Amino acid sequence: MGILSRLLSHVAIAGLAVPALALASVPLAVVTGAVLYAHLLADLVWDRRLLAAHAAAADSVEDLAQTFG
């Protein structure tokens, strides 16, 4: 699964889970939303670091594209 697919799944889960939980418990929905936001932010930071490392090691744009393709 690619980087964007993984991040998209995180956003979709948060978008469904938080409103559903809000129906049962608003405080639980707020905590869940905060945890999912922190998780998504950490994933974005990590992916950015990986991309920078791979870009530095790649010989060409095509080589970099094959790494993520």
Foldseek 3Di string as FASTA:
>chain_A
DFLVVVLVVLVVCLVPVLVVVVVVPNVVSVVVNVVSVVVSVVSVVVVVVVLVVLVVVAPDPVRSVVVRD
